[in-house]
PDB file of N, CA and C in Angstrom:
ATOM      1  N   UNK A   1     -21.397  56.010 -41.994  1.00  0.00           N
ATOM      2  CA  UNK A   1     -20.860  54.677 -41.933  1.00  0.00           C
ATOM      3  C   UNK A   1     -22.008  53.699 -41.678  1.00  0.00           C
ATOM      4  N   UNK A   2     -22.065  52.638 -42.448  1.00  0.00           N
ATOM      5  CA  UNK A   2     -23.123  51.647 -42.255  1.00  0.00           C
ATOM      6  C   UNK A   2     -22.863  50.857 -40.981  1.00  0.00           C
ATOM      7  N   UNK A   3     -23.897  50.219 -40.497  1.00  0.00           N
ATOM      8  CA  UNK A   3     -23.780  49.388 -39.308  1.00  0.00           C
ATOM      9  C   UNK A   3     -22.742  48.299 -39.556  1.00  0.00           C
ATOM     10  N   UNK A   4     -22.803  47.675 -40.723  1.00  0.00           N
ATOM     11  CA  UNK A   4     -21.848  46.612 -41.045  1.00  0.00           C
ATOM     12  C   UNK A   4     -20.423  47.159 -41.093  1.00  0.00           C
ATOM     13  N   UNK A   5     -20.254  48.372 -41.575  1.00  0.00           N
ATOM     14  CA  UNK A   5     -18.924  48.981 -41.614  1.00  0.00           C
ATOM     15  C   UNK A   5     -18.368  49.163 -40.199  1.00  0.00           C
ATOM     16  N   UNK A   6     -19.244  49.518 -39.250  1.00  0.00           N
ATOM     17  CA  UNK A   6     -18.810  49.600 -37.855  1.00  0.00           C
ATOM     18  C   UNK A   6     -18.267  48.250 -37.399  1.00  0.00           C
ATOM     19  N   UNK A   7     -19.001  47.181 -37.687  1.00  0.00           N
ATOM     20  CA  UNK A   7     -18.564  45.847 -37.272  1.00  0.00           C
ATOM     21  C   UNK A   7     -17.264  45.444 -37.957  1.00  0.00           C
ATOM     22  N   UNK A   8     -17.113  45.802 -39.226  1.00  0.00           N
ATOM     23  CA  UNK A   8     -15.873  45.494 -39.939  1.00  0.00           C
ATOM     24  C   UNK A   8     -14.685  46.226 -39.323  1.00  0.00           C
ATOM     25  N   UNK A   9     -14.882  47.476 -38.946  1.00  0.00           N
ATOM     26  CA  UNK A   9     -13.821  48.252 -38.317  1.00  0.00           C
ATOM     27  C   UNK A   9     -13.454  47.665 -36.961  1.00  0.00           C
ATOM     28  N   UNK A  10     -14.452  47.195 -36.228  1.00  0.00           N
ATOM     29  CA  UNK A  10     -14.195  46.541 -34.948  1.00  0.00           C
ATOM     30  C   UNK A  10     -13.300  45.321 -35.158  1.00  0.00           C
ATOM     31  N   UNK A  11     -13.600  44.553 -36.178  1.00  0.00           N
ATOM     32  CA  UNK A  11     -12.773  43.384 -36.493  1.00  0.00           C
ATOM     33  C   UNK A  11     -11.340  43.814 -36.836  1.00  0.00           C
ATOM     34  N   UNK A  12     -11.208  44.862 -37.641  1.00  0.00           N
ATOM     35  CA  UNK A  12      -9.880  45.366 -37.999  1.00  0.00           C
ATOM     36  C   UNK A  12      -9.096  45.803 -36.761  1.00  0.00           C
ATOM     37  N   UNK A  13      -9.772  46.477 -35.836  1.00  0.00           N
ATOM     38  CA  UNK A  13      -9.102  47.017 -34.649  1.00  0.00           C
ATOM     39  C   UNK A  13      -8.752  45.943 -33.625  1.00  0.00           C
ATOM     40  N   UNK A  14      -9.603  44.932 -33.495  1.00  0.00           N
ATOM     41  CA  UNK A  14      -9.420  43.956 -32.418  1.00  0.00           C
ATOM     42  C   UNK A  14      -8.833  42.625 -32.886  1.00  0.00           C
ATOM     43  N   UNK A  15      -8.969  42.329 -34.182  1.00  0.00           N
ATOM     44  CA  UNK A  15      -8.554  41.025 -34.682  1.00  0.00           C
ATOM     45  C   UNK A  15      -9.564  39.934 -34.381  1.00  0.00           C
ATOM     46  N   UNK A  16     -10.707  40.311 -33.832  1.00  0.00           N
ATOM     47  CA  UNK A  16     -11.767  39.364 -33.492  1.00  0.00           C
ATOM     48  C   UNK A  16     -13.017  39.665 -34.312  1.00  0.00           C
ATOM     49  N   UNK A  17     -13.713  38.631 -34.729  1.00  0.00           N
ATOM     50  CA  UNK A  17     -14.965  38.847 -35.437  1.00  0.00           C
ATOM     51  C   UNK A  17     -16.015  39.327 -34.442  1.00  0.00           C
ATOM     52  N   UNK A  18     -17.065  39.964 -34.939  1.00  0.00           N
ATOM     53  CA  UNK A  18     -18.144  40.352 -34.035  1.00  0.00           C
ATOM     54  C   UNK A  18     -18.692  39.156 -33.248  1.00  0.00           C
ATOM     55  N   UNK A  19     -18.828  38.008 -33.892  1.00  0.00           N
ATOM     56  CA  UNK A  19     -19.362  36.838 -33.187  1.00  0.00           C
ATOM     57  C   UNK A  19     -18.431  36.421 -32.037  1.00  0.00           C
ATOM     58  N   UNK A  20     -17.129  36.490 -32.247  1.00  0.00           N
ATOM     59  CA  UNK A  20     -16.197  36.152 -31.169  1.00  0.00           C
ATOM     60  C   UNK A  20     -16.353  37.111 -29.995  1.00  0.00           C
ATOM     61  N   UNK A  21     -16.525  38.390 -30.283  1.00  0.00           N
ATOM     62  CA  UNK A  21     -16.730  39.360 -29.206  1.00  0.00           C
ATOM     63  C   UNK A  21     -18.070  39.144 -28.511  1.00  0.00           C
ATOM     64  N   UNK A  22     -19.092  38.794 -29.258  1.00  0.00           N
ATOM     65  CA  UNK A  22     -20.399  38.498 -28.663  1.00  0.00           C
ATOM     66  C   UNK A  22     -20.277  37.299 -27.724  1.00  0.00           C
ATOM     67  N   UNK A  23     -19.555  36.278 -28.156  1.00  0.00           N
ATOM     68  CA  UNK A  23     -19.367  35.105 -27.300  1.00  0.00           C
ATOM     69  C   UNK A  23     -18.604  35.457 -26.024  1.00  0.00           C
ATOM     70  N   UNK A  24     -17.592  36.313 -26.138  1.00  0.00           N
ATOM     71  CA  UNK A  24     -16.868  36.763 -24.948  1.00  0.00           C
ATOM     72  C   UNK A  24     -17.787  37.550 -24.012  1.00  0.00           C
ATOM     73  N   UNK A  25     -18.649  38.368 -24.592  1.00  0.00           N
ATOM     74  CA  UNK A  25     -19.610  39.130 -23.785  1.00  0.00           C
ATOM     75  C   UNK A  25     -20.574  38.185 -23.065  1.00  0.00           C
ATOM     76  N   UNK A  26     -21.023  37.162 -23.757  1.00  0.00           N
ATOM     77  CA  UNK A  26     -21.926  36.182 -23.128  1.00  0.00           C
ATOM     78  C   UNK A  26     -21.238  35.475 -21.970  1.00  0.00           C
ATOM     79  N   UNK A  27     -19.966  35.118 -22.147  1.00  0.00           N
ATOM     80  CA  UNK A  27     -19.216  34.468 -21.069  1.00  0.00           C
ATOM     81  C   UNK A  27     -19.167  35.342 -19.820  1.00  0.00           C
ATOM     82  N   UNK A  28     -19.173  36.652 -20.019  1.00  0.00           N
ATOM     83  CA  UNK A  28     -19.156  37.599 -18.904  1.00  0.00           C
ATOM     84  C   UNK A  28     -20.566  37.890 -18.377  1.00  0.00           C
ATOM     85  N   UNK A  29     -21.576  37.365 -19.046  1.00  0.00           N
ATOM     86  CA  UNK A  29     -22.954  37.614 -18.631  1.00  0.00           C
ATOM     87  C   UNK A  29     -23.515  38.924 -19.135  1.00  0.00           C
ATOM     88  N   UNK A  30     -22.833  39.550 -20.093  1.00  0.00           N
ATOM     89  CA  UNK A  30     -23.258  40.860 -20.582  1.00  0.00           C
ATOM     90  C   UNK A  30     -24.474  40.798 -21.501  1.00  0.00           C
ATOM     91  N   UNK A  31     -24.908  39.604 -21.872  1.00  0.00           N
ATOM     92  CA  UNK A  31     -26.130  39.498 -22.666  1.00  0.00           C
ATOM     93  C   UNK A  31     -27.371  39.536 -21.780  1.00  0.00           C
ATOM     94  N   UNK A  32     -27.192  39.580 -20.482  1.00  0.00           N
ATOM     95  CA  UNK A  32     -28.305  39.698 -19.540  1.00  0.00           C
ATOM     96  C   UNK A  32     -28.999  41.036 -19.779  1.00  0.00           C
ATOM     97  N   UNK A  33     -30.328  41.029 -19.910  1.00  0.00           N
ATOM     98  CA  UNK A  33     -31.042  42.294 -20.159  1.00  0.00           C
ATOM     99  C   UNK A  33     -30.777  43.372 -19.107  1.00  0.00           C
ATOM    100  N   UNK A  34     -30.392  42.967 -17.904  1.00  0.00           N
ATOM    101  CA  UNK A  34     -30.135  43.940 -16.837  1.00  0.00           C
ATOM    102  C   UNK A  34     -28.777  44.630 -16.986  1.00  0.00           C
ATOM    103  N   UNK A  35     -27.911  44.107 -17.829  1.00  0.00           N
ATOM    104  CA  UNK A  35     -26.586  44.707 -18.009  1.00  0.00           C
ATOM    105  C   UNK A  35     -26.717  46.030 -18.753  1.00  0.00           C
ATOM    106  N   UNK A  36     -26.164  47.057 -18.196  1.00  0.00           N
ATOM    107  CA  UNK A  36     -26.209  48.392 -18.799  1.00  0.00           C
ATOM    108  C   UNK A  36     -25.203  48.495 -19.947  1.00  0.00           C
ATOM    109  N   UNK A  37     -25.557  49.291 -20.937  1.00  0.00           N
ATOM    110  CA  UNK A  37     -24.680  49.499 -22.097  1.00  0.00           C
ATOM    111  C   UNK A  37     -23.310  50.017 -21.659  1.00  0.00           C
ATOM    112  N   UNK A  38     -23.285  50.887 -20.660  1.00  0.00           N
ATOM    113  CA  UNK A  38     -22.025  51.454 -20.186  1.00  0.00           C
ATOM    114  C   UNK A  38     -21.063  50.404 -19.654  1.00  0.00           C
ATOM    115  N   UNK A  39     -21.598  49.362 -19.046  1.00  0.00           N
ATOM    116  CA  UNK A  39     -20.756  48.265 -18.555  1.00  0.00           C
ATOM    117  C   UNK A  39     -20.052  47.588 -19.720  1.00  0.00           C
ATOM    118  N   UNK A  40     -20.790  47.375 -20.792  1.00  0.00           N
ATOM    119  CA  UNK A  40     -20.235  46.713 -21.977  1.00  0.00           C
ATOM    120  C   UNK A  40     -19.242  47.632 -22.683  1.00  0.00           C
ATOM    121  N   UNK A  41     -19.610  48.883 -22.884  1.00  0.00           N
ATOM    122  CA  UNK A  41     -18.698  49.799 -23.584  1.00  0.00           C
ATOM    123  C   UNK A  41     -17.423  50.042 -22.776  1.00  0.00           C
ATOM    124  N   UNK A  42     -17.529  50.065 -21.445  1.00  0.00           N
ATOM    125  CA  UNK A  42     -16.324  50.210 -20.613  1.00  0.00           C
ATOM    126  C   UNK A  42     -15.398  49.012 -20.805  1.00  0.00           C
ATOM    127  N   UNK A  43     -15.951  47.812 -20.820  1.00  0.00           N
ATOM    128  CA  UNK A  43     -15.158  46.597 -21.051  1.00  0.00           C
ATOM    129  C   UNK A  43     -14.476  46.643 -22.423  1.00  0.00           C
ATOM    130  N   UNK A  44     -15.234  47.017 -23.448  1.00  0.00           N
ATOM    131  CA  UNK A  44     -14.680  47.065 -24.800  1.00  0.00           C
ATOM    132  C   UNK A  44     -13.587  48.123 -24.933  1.00  0.00           C
ATOM    133  N   UNK A  45     -13.759  49.229 -24.243  1.00  0.00           N
ATOM    134  CA  UNK A  45     -12.733  50.276 -24.273  1.00  0.00           C
ATOM    135  C   UNK A  45     -11.469  49.816 -23.536  1.00  0.00           C
ATOM    136  N   UNK A  46     -11.679  49.257 -22.360  1.00  0.00           N
ATOM    137  CA  UNK A  46     -10.549  48.845 -21.527  1.00  0.00           C
ATOM    138  C   UNK A  46      -9.746  47.700 -22.161  1.00  0.00           C
ATOM    139  N   UNK A  47     -10.445  46.691 -22.650  1.00  0.00           N
ATOM    140  CA  UNK A  47      -9.759  45.502 -23.166  1.00  0.00           C
ATOM    141  C   UNK A  47      -9.370  45.589 -24.639  1.00  0.00           C
ATOM    142  N   UNK A  48     -10.106  46.399 -25.423  1.00  0.00           N
ATOM    143  CA  UNK A  48      -9.886  46.407 -26.872  1.00  0.00           C
ATOM    144  C   UNK A  48      -9.673  47.797 -27.470  1.00  0.00           C
ATOM    145  N   UNK A  49      -9.753  48.836 -26.664  1.00  0.00           N
ATOM    146  CA  UNK A  49      -9.524  50.189 -27.151  1.00  0.00           C
ATOM    147  C   UNK A  49     -10.620  50.726 -28.050  1.00  0.00           C
ATOM    148  N   UNK A  50     -11.826  50.172 -27.937  1.00  0.00           N
ATOM    149  CA  UNK A  50     -12.927  50.631 -28.791  1.00  0.00           C
ATOM    150  C   UNK A  50     -13.602  51.858 -28.197  1.00  0.00           C
ATOM    151  N   UNK A  51     -13.922  52.815 -29.060  1.00  0.00           N
ATOM    152  CA  UNK A  51     -14.642  54.012 -28.644  1.00  0.00           C
ATOM    153  C   UNK A  51     -16.120  53.736 -28.459  1.00  0.00           C
ATOM    154  N   UNK A  52     -16.829  54.749 -28.048  1.00  0.00           N
ATOM    155  CA  UNK A  52     -18.249  54.602 -27.717  1.00  0.00           C
ATOM    156  C   UNK A  52     -19.097  54.168 -28.915  1.00  0.00           C
ATOM    157  N   UNK A  53     -18.891  54.751 -30.085  1.00  0.00           N
ATOM    158  CA  UNK A  53     -19.695  54.406 -31.256  1.00  0.00           C
ATOM    159  C   UNK A  53     -19.550  52.945 -31.641  1.00  0.00           C
ATOM    160  N   UNK A  54     -18.319  52.472 -31.689  1.00  0.00           N
ATOM    161  CA  UNK A  54     -18.087  51.069 -32.023  1.00  0.00           C
ATOM    162  C   UNK A  54     -18.602  50.161 -30.909  1.00  0.00           C
ATOM    163  N   UNK A  55     -18.410  50.603 -29.678  1.00  0.00           N
ATOM    164  CA  UNK A  55     -18.932  49.836 -28.547  1.00  0.00           C
ATOM    165  C   UNK A  55     -20.439  49.711 -28.589  1.00  0.00           C
ATOM    166  N   UNK A  56     -21.123  50.799 -28.926  1.00  0.00           N
ATOM    167  CA  UNK A  56     -22.587  50.757 -28.983  1.00  0.00           C
ATOM    168  C   UNK A  56     -23.083  49.870 -30.130  1.00  0.00           C
ATOM    169  N   UNK A  57     -22.332  49.794 -31.205  1.00  0.00           N
ATOM    170  CA  UNK A  57     -22.699  48.868 -32.286  1.00  0.00           C
ATOM    171  C   UNK A  57     -22.677  47.437 -31.765  1.00  0.00           C
ATOM    172  N   UNK A  58     -21.664  47.102 -30.984  1.00  0.00           N
ATOM    173  CA  UNK A  58     -21.607  45.759 -30.400  1.00  0.00           C
ATOM    174  C   UNK A  58     -22.682  45.557 -29.341  1.00  0.00           C
ATOM    175  N   UNK A  59     -22.965  46.584 -28.560  1.00  0.00           N
ATOM    176  CA  UNK A  59     -24.052  46.473 -27.576  1.00  0.00           C
ATOM    177  C   UNK A  59     -25.335  46.060 -28.291  1.00  0.00           C
ATOM    178  N   UNK A  60     -25.606  46.673 -29.437  1.00  0.00           N
ATOM    179  CA  UNK A  60     -26.825  46.336 -30.182  1.00  0.00           C
ATOM    180  C   UNK A  60     -26.870  44.847 -30.502  1.00  0.00           C
ATOM    181  N   UNK A  61     -25.800  44.300 -31.071  1.00  0.00           N
ATOM    182  CA  UNK A  61     -25.848  42.895 -31.472  1.00  0.00           C
ATOM    183  C   UNK A  61     -25.767  41.949 -30.272  1.00  0.00           C
ATOM    184  N   UNK A  62     -25.117  42.367 -29.202  1.00  0.00           N
ATOM    185  CA  UNK A  62     -25.091  41.543 -27.986  1.00  0.00           C
ATOM    186  C   UNK A  62     -26.488  41.444 -27.401  1.00  0.00           C
ATOM    187  N   UNK A  63     -27.194  42.555 -27.368  1.00  0.00           N
ATOM    188  CA  UNK A  63     -28.518  42.607 -26.744  1.00  0.00           C
ATOM    189  C   UNK A  63     -29.656  42.184 -27.678  1.00  0.00           C
ATOM    190  N   UNK A  64     -29.525  42.483 -28.982  1.00  0.00           N
ATOM    191  CA  UNK A  64     -30.655  42.317 -29.901  1.00  0.00           C
ATOM    192  C   UNK A  64     -30.433  41.326 -31.030  1.00  0.00           C
ATOM    193  N   UNK A  65     -29.224  40.844 -31.184  1.00  0.00           N
ATOM    194  CA  UNK A  65     -28.937  39.959 -32.299  1.00  0.00           C
ATOM    195  C   UNK A  65     -28.583  40.747 -33.555  1.00  0.00           C
ATOM    196  N   UNK A  66     -28.424  40.060 -34.682  1.00  0.00           N
ATOM    197  CA  UNK A  66     -27.902  40.682 -35.896  1.00  0.00           C
ATOM    198  C   UNK A  66     -28.912  41.428 -36.768  1.00  0.00           C
ATOM    199  N   UNK A  67     -30.187  41.425 -36.417  1.00  0.00           N
ATOM    200  CA  UNK A  67     -31.189  42.106 -37.246  1.00  0.00           C
ATOM    201  C   UNK A  67     -31.140  43.612 -37.015  1.00  0.00           C
ATOM    202  N   UNK A  68     -31.272  44.369 -38.111  1.00  0.00           N
ATOM    203  CA  UNK A  68     -31.365  45.822 -38.019  1.00  0.00           C
ATOM    204  C   UNK A  68     -32.646  46.273 -38.709  1.00  0.00           C
ATOM    205  N   UNK A  69     -33.011  47.512 -38.481  1.00  0.00           N
ATOM    206  CA  UNK A  69     -34.229  48.078 -39.042  1.00  0.00           C
ATOM    207  C   UNK A  69     -34.146  48.144 -40.565  1.00  0.00           C
ATOM    208  N   UNK A  70     -35.218  47.761 -41.236  1.00  0.00           N
ATOM    209  CA  UNK A  70     -35.290  47.776 -42.701  1.00  0.00           C
ATOM    210  C   UNK A  70     -35.050  49.155 -43.311  1.00  0.00           C
ATOM    211  N   UNK A  71     -35.289  50.218 -42.549  1.00  0.00           N
ATOM    212  CA  UNK A  71     -35.168  51.564 -43.125  1.00  0.00           C
ATOM    213  C   UNK A  71     -33.752  51.873 -43.609  1.00  0.00           C
ATOM    214  N   UNK A  72     -32.759  51.120 -43.133  1.00  0.00           N
ATOM    215  CA  UNK A  72     -31.383  51.369 -43.544  1.00  0.00           C
ATOM    216  C   UNK A  72     -30.933  50.475 -44.695  1.00  0.00           C
ATOM    217  N   UNK A  73     -31.744  49.522 -45.064  1.00  0.00           N
ATOM    218  CA  UNK A  73     -31.359  48.556 -46.092  1.00  0.00           C
ATOM    219  C   UNK A  73     -31.561  49.159 -47.474  1.00  0.00           C
ATOM    220  N   UNK A  74     -30.465  49.266 -48.211  1.00  0.00           N
ATOM    221  CA  UNK A  74     -30.533  49.765 -49.578  1.00  0.00           C
ATOM    222  C   UNK A  74     -31.010  51.190 -49.716  1.00  0.00           C
ATOM    223  N   UNK A  75     -30.897  51.977 -48.651  1.00  0.00           N
ATOM    224  CA  UNK A  75     -31.402  53.353 -48.677  1.00  0.00           C
ATOM    225  C   UNK A  75     -30.524  54.279 -49.510  1.00  0.00           C
ATOM    226  N   UNK A  76     -29.278  53.874 -49.743  1.00  0.00           N
ATOM    227  CA  UNK A  76     -28.360  54.728 -50.492  1.00  0.00           C
ATOM    228  C   UNK A  76     -27.748  55.830 -49.666  1.00  0.00           C
ATOM    229  N   UNK A  77     -28.189  55.967 -48.430  1.00  0.00           N
ATOM    230  CA  UNK A  77     -27.655  57.004 -47.557  1.00  0.00           C
ATOM    231  C   UNK A  77     -26.360  56.576 -46.888  1.00  0.00           C
ATOM    232  N   UNK A  78     -25.860  57.438 -46.042  1.00  0.00           N
ATOM    233  CA  UNK A  78     -24.610  57.190 -45.334  1.00  0.00           C
ATOM    234  C   UNK A  78     -24.663  55.913 -44.516  1.00  0.00           C
ATOM    235  N   UNK A  79     -25.803  55.622 -43.927  1.00  0.00           N
ATOM    236  CA  UNK A  79     -25.937  54.463 -43.050  1.00  0.00           C
ATOM    237  C   UNK A  79     -26.589  53.275 -43.750  1.00  0.00           C
ATOM    238  N   UNK A  80     -26.529  53.245 -45.052  1.00  0.00           N
ATOM    239  CA  UNK A  80     -27.170  52.180 -45.831  1.00  0.00           C
ATOM    240  C   UNK A  80     -26.414  50.859 -45.686  1.00  0.00           C
ATOM    241  N   UNK A  81     -27.165  49.793 -45.437  1.00  0.00           N
ATOM    242  CA  UNK A  81     -26.612  48.446 -45.380  1.00  0.00           C
ATOM    243  C   UNK A  81     -27.254  47.606 -46.474  1.00  0.00           C
ATOM    244  N   UNK A  82     -26.545  46.589 -46.983  1.00  0.00           N
ATOM    245  CA  UNK A  82     -27.097  45.764 -48.058  1.00  0.00           C
ATOM    246  C   UNK A  82     -28.132  44.746 -47.583  1.00  0.00           C
ATOM    247  N   UNK A  83     -28.233  44.521 -46.281  1.00  0.00           N
ATOM    248  CA  UNK A  83     -29.125  43.499 -45.751  1.00  0.00           C
ATOM    249  C   UNK A  83     -29.625  43.924 -44.375  1.00  0.00           C
ATOM    250  N   UNK A  84     -30.771  43.396 -43.954  1.00  0.00           N
ATOM    251  CA  UNK A  84     -31.264  43.676 -42.606  1.00  0.00           C
ATOM    252  C   UNK A  84     -30.658  42.718 -41.582  1.00  0.00           C
ATOM    253  N   UNK A  85     -29.774  41.863 -42.041  1.00  0.00           N
ATOM    254  CA  UNK A  85     -29.072  40.912 -41.169  1.00  0.00           C
ATOM    255  C   UNK A  85     -27.582  41.230 -41.232  1.00  0.00           C
ATOM    256  N   UNK A  86     -27.023  41.617 -40.098  1.00  0.00           N
ATOM    257  CA  UNK A  86     -25.601  41.925 -40.032  1.00  0.00           C
ATOM    258  C   UNK A  86     -24.794  40.638 -40.082  1.00  0.00           C
ATOM    259  N   UNK A  87     -23.638  40.698 -40.727  1.00  0.00           N
ATOM    260  CA  UNK A  87     -22.755  39.541 -40.834  1.00  0.00           C
ATOM    261  C   UNK A  87     -21.798  39.576 -39.652  1.00  0.00           C
ATOM    262  N   UNK A  88     -21.801  38.530 -38.841  1.00  0.00           N
ATOM    263  CA  UNK A  88     -21.036  38.503 -37.606  1.00  0.00           C
ATOM    264  C   UNK A  88     -19.800  37.609 -37.670  1.00  0.00           C
ATOM    265  N   UNK A  89     -19.616  36.913 -38.782  1.00  0.00           N
ATOM    266  CA  UNK A  89     -18.570  35.888 -38.856  1.00  0.00           C
ATOM    267  C   UNK A  89     -17.311  36.312 -39.603  1.00  0.00           C
ATOM    268  N   UNK A  90     -17.089  37.589 -39.712  1.00  0.00           N
ATOM    269  CA  UNK A  90     -15.845  38.087 -40.295  1.00  0.00           C
ATOM    270  C   UNK A  90     -15.995  38.554 -41.724  1.00  0.00           C
ATOM    271  N   UNK A  91     -15.230  39.558 -42.048  1.00  0.00           N
ATOM    272  CA  UNK A  91     -15.296  40.198 -43.359  1.00  0.00           C
ATOM    273  C   UNK A  91     -14.955  39.248 -44.501  1.00  0.00           C
ATOM    274  N   UNK A  92     -14.010  38.365 -44.268  1.00  0.00           N
ATOM    275  CA  UNK A  92     -13.532  37.490 -45.341  1.00  0.00           C
ATOM    276  C   UNK A  92     -14.613  36.552 -45.868  1.00  0.00           C
ATOM    277  N   UNK A  93     -15.597  36.246 -45.037  1.00  0.00           N
ATOM    278  CA  UNK A  93     -16.641  35.316 -45.450  1.00  0.00           C
ATOM    279  C   UNK A  93     -17.990  35.988 -45.702  1.00  0.00           C
ATOM    280  N   UNK A  94     -18.038  37.302 -45.653  1.00  0.00           N
ATOM    281  CA  UNK A  94     -19.296  38.022 -45.819  1.00  0.00           C
ATOM    282  C   UNK A  94     -19.788  37.958 -47.272  1.00  0.00           C
ATOM    283  N   UNK A  95     -20.960  37.356 -47.506  1.00  0.00           N
ATOM    284  CA  UNK A  95     -21.467  37.257 -48.870  1.00  0.00           C
ATOM    285  C   UNK A  95     -21.950  38.597 -49.440  1.00  0.00           C
ATOM    286  N   UNK A  96     -22.100  39.604 -48.580  1.00  0.00           N
ATOM    287  CA  UNK A  96     -22.590  40.918 -49.023  1.00  0.00           C
ATOM    288  C   UNK A  96     -21.477  41.941 -49.204  1.00  0.00           C
ATOM    289  N   UNK A  97     -20.233  41.533 -49.028  1.00  0.00           N
ATOM    290  CA  UNK A  97     -19.146  42.517 -49.114  1.00  0.00           C
ATOM    291  C   UNK A  97     -19.007  43.026 -50.542  1.00  0.00           C
ATOM    292  N   UNK A  98     -18.520  44.247 -50.610  1.00  0.00           N
ATOM    293  CA  UNK A  98     -18.382  44.877 -51.940  1.00  0.00           C
ATOM    294  C   UNK A  98     -17.169  44.340 -52.668  1.00  0.00           C
TER     295      UNK A  98
END
């Protein structure tokens, strides 16, 4: 599953775009570098029913922003993404969607 596919599934499960969840995390102070990933994944599981894999995808964008490593861009593999910039504003407006 590509990184973007994880984010799309999160949107499907929660009804919130990744950016909306990032903003909620910021309101809680979870973008602080001292915040542990487990704190964030526990919140996402408790409030939104997200598992660890989906939670860790959000941890990445909360902590690091939407950029991902170039090695996954256009690789053709299971984790291949079309861009090194993840789309955070919802599937309906994603210019890279299939």
